[in-house]
Protein backbone atom coordinates (compact mmCIF):
# COMPACT_ATOMS: atom_id res chain seq x y z
CA MET A 1 -0.14 -0.05 -0.26
CA THR A 2 1.54 3.64 -0.85
CA HIS A 3 0.95 6.10 1.90
CA ILE A 4 1.58 10.20 0.90
CA VAL A 5 2.94 12.44 2.86
CA ASP A 6 1.66 16.49 1.97
CA PRO A 7 1.74 18.80 4.79
CA THR A 8 0.68 21.01 2.33
CA LEU A 9 -3.39 19.72 2.64
CA ARG A 10 -5.64 20.36 4.92
CA ASN A 11 -7.13 18.09 7.27
CA THR A 12 -10.66 18.03 5.78
CA TRP A 13 -9.53 17.06 1.95
CA VAL A 14 -7.37 14.23 3.71
CA THR A 15 -10.47 13.73 5.17
CA VAL A 16 -12.78 14.36 1.64
CA TYR A 17 -10.38 12.12 0.38
CA GLU A 18 -10.27 8.93 2.69
CA ALA A 19 -14.08 8.83 2.95
CA LEU A 20 -14.18 9.22 -0.91
CA ARG A 21 -11.83 5.76 -1.19
CA GLN A 22 -13.31 4.36 1.14
CA TYR A 23 -16.32 4.20 -0.90
CA TRP A 24 -15.19 3.21 -4.21
CA LEU A 25 -13.27 0.32 -2.17
CA LEU A 26 -16.45 -0.76 -0.44
CA SER A 27 -19.38 -0.19 -3.14
CA GLY A 28 -17.25 -0.06 -6.77
CA SER A 29 -18.75 3.29 -7.45
CA GLY A 30 -18.66 6.92 -6.41
CA PRO A 31 -20.47 9.01 -3.61
CA SER A 32 -22.34 12.26 -4.65
CA LYS A 33 -20.83 15.56 -3.30
CA ASP A 34 -23.79 15.24 -0.73
CA GLU A 35 -23.00 11.41 0.46
CA LEU A 36 -18.84 12.75 0.81
CA MET A 37 -20.28 15.77 2.35
CA ARG A 38 -22.04 13.76 5.26
CA ALA A 39 -19.26 10.70 5.32
CA ALA A 40 -16.73 13.29 6.06
CA LYS A 41 -18.72 15.81 8.12
CA VAL A 42 -17.58 18.88 6.11
CA SER A 43 -19.51 21.06 3.98
CA MET A 44 -20.89 21.16 0.70
CA THR A 45 -18.27 24.22 -0.16
CA THR A 46 -15.15 22.06 1.48
CA VAL A 47 -15.73 19.59 -0.91
CA ILE A 48 -16.02 20.75 -3.67
CA GLN A 49 -13.01 22.48 -2.71
CA ALA A 50 -10.89 19.37 -2.41
CA VAL A 51 -12.46 17.52 -5.15
CA ASN A 52 -11.03 21.00 -6.99
CA GLU A 53 -7.40 20.20 -5.20
CA LEU A 54 -7.28 16.68 -5.12
CA ARG A 55 -8.05 16.81 -9.15
CA ARG A 56 -5.36 19.43 -8.88
CA ARG A 57 -2.72 17.22 -7.67
CA GLY A 58 -3.37 14.47 -8.81
CA TYR A 59 -4.73 12.68 -6.31
CA VAL A 60 -8.15 12.15 -8.04
CA VAL A 61 -10.07 12.18 -11.42
CA ALA A 62 -12.83 14.10 -11.46
CA PRO A 63 -14.97 14.55 -15.14
CA LYS A 64 -16.51 18.40 -15.25
CA HIS A 65 -20.40 17.44 -15.91
CA GLN A 66 -20.94 13.96 -14.44
CA THR A 67 -22.68 13.09 -11.65
CA ARG A 68 -20.66 10.39 -9.25
CA ALA A 69 -17.54 10.32 -10.97
CA VAL A 70 -14.66 11.46 -8.73
CA LYS A 71 -12.79 8.62 -8.43
CA PRO A 72 -9.22 8.40 -6.69
CA THR A 73 -6.38 7.64 -9.22
CA ASP A 74 -5.31 4.90 -6.55
CA LEU A 75 -7.17 3.10 -4.16
CA GLU A 76 -4.23 1.67 -2.60
CA ARG A 77 -2.73 4.95 -2.14
CA THR A 78 -3.53 7.09 1.37
CA ILE A 79 -2.43 10.24 2.15
CA SER A 80 -1.88 12.67 5.32
CA ARG A 81 -0.46 15.68 6.37
CA GLU A 82 1.82 14.03 9.11
CA PRO A 83 3.95 11.16 8.29
CA LEU A 84 1.76 7.82 10.09
CA ASP A 85 3.24 6.74 13.65
CA PRO A 86 5.34 3.29 13.07
CA TRP A 87 3.73 1.48 16.50
CA ALA A 88 -0.04 2.63 15.38
CA GLU A 89 -0.28 -1.22 14.08
CA LEU A 90 0.77 -2.84 16.87
CA ASP A 91 -1.90 -4.65 18.81
CA ASP A 92 -3.40 -2.54 22.25
CA ASP A 93 -4.92 -5.15 23.65
CA ARG A 94 -1.80 -7.47 24.02
CA PRO A 95 -0.05 -6.60 27.40
CA SER A 96 3.12 -5.09 26.93
CA TYR A 97 6.71 -6.99 28.47
CA TRP A 98 6.69 -4.30 31.69
CA ARG A 99 3.39 -5.35 32.52
CA THR A 100 2.34 -8.20 35.21
CA ASP A 101 -0.78 -9.16 35.74
CA ASP A 102 -0.87 -9.54 39.60
């Protein structure tokens, strides 16, 4: 899986991208802008700005005058503003070696 760190993106744009990516992965078709707005919990203006900026940067393809046509250029790619935490994938349910159960 490819991950891109782009510190110039806004957090809301990253959220819209992830909502769009997950929608495509789960349904196999594109969401409407209203569905993106509800999934990312942002305004319609923010969704439009995010789609325009993500298209400009090459993260999504968004043909004009087509509904449900916004699609990530690579469904496996994730993006973020900051580098990912290398320890995030560890299972938090397992006890660490310094813990003792009494």
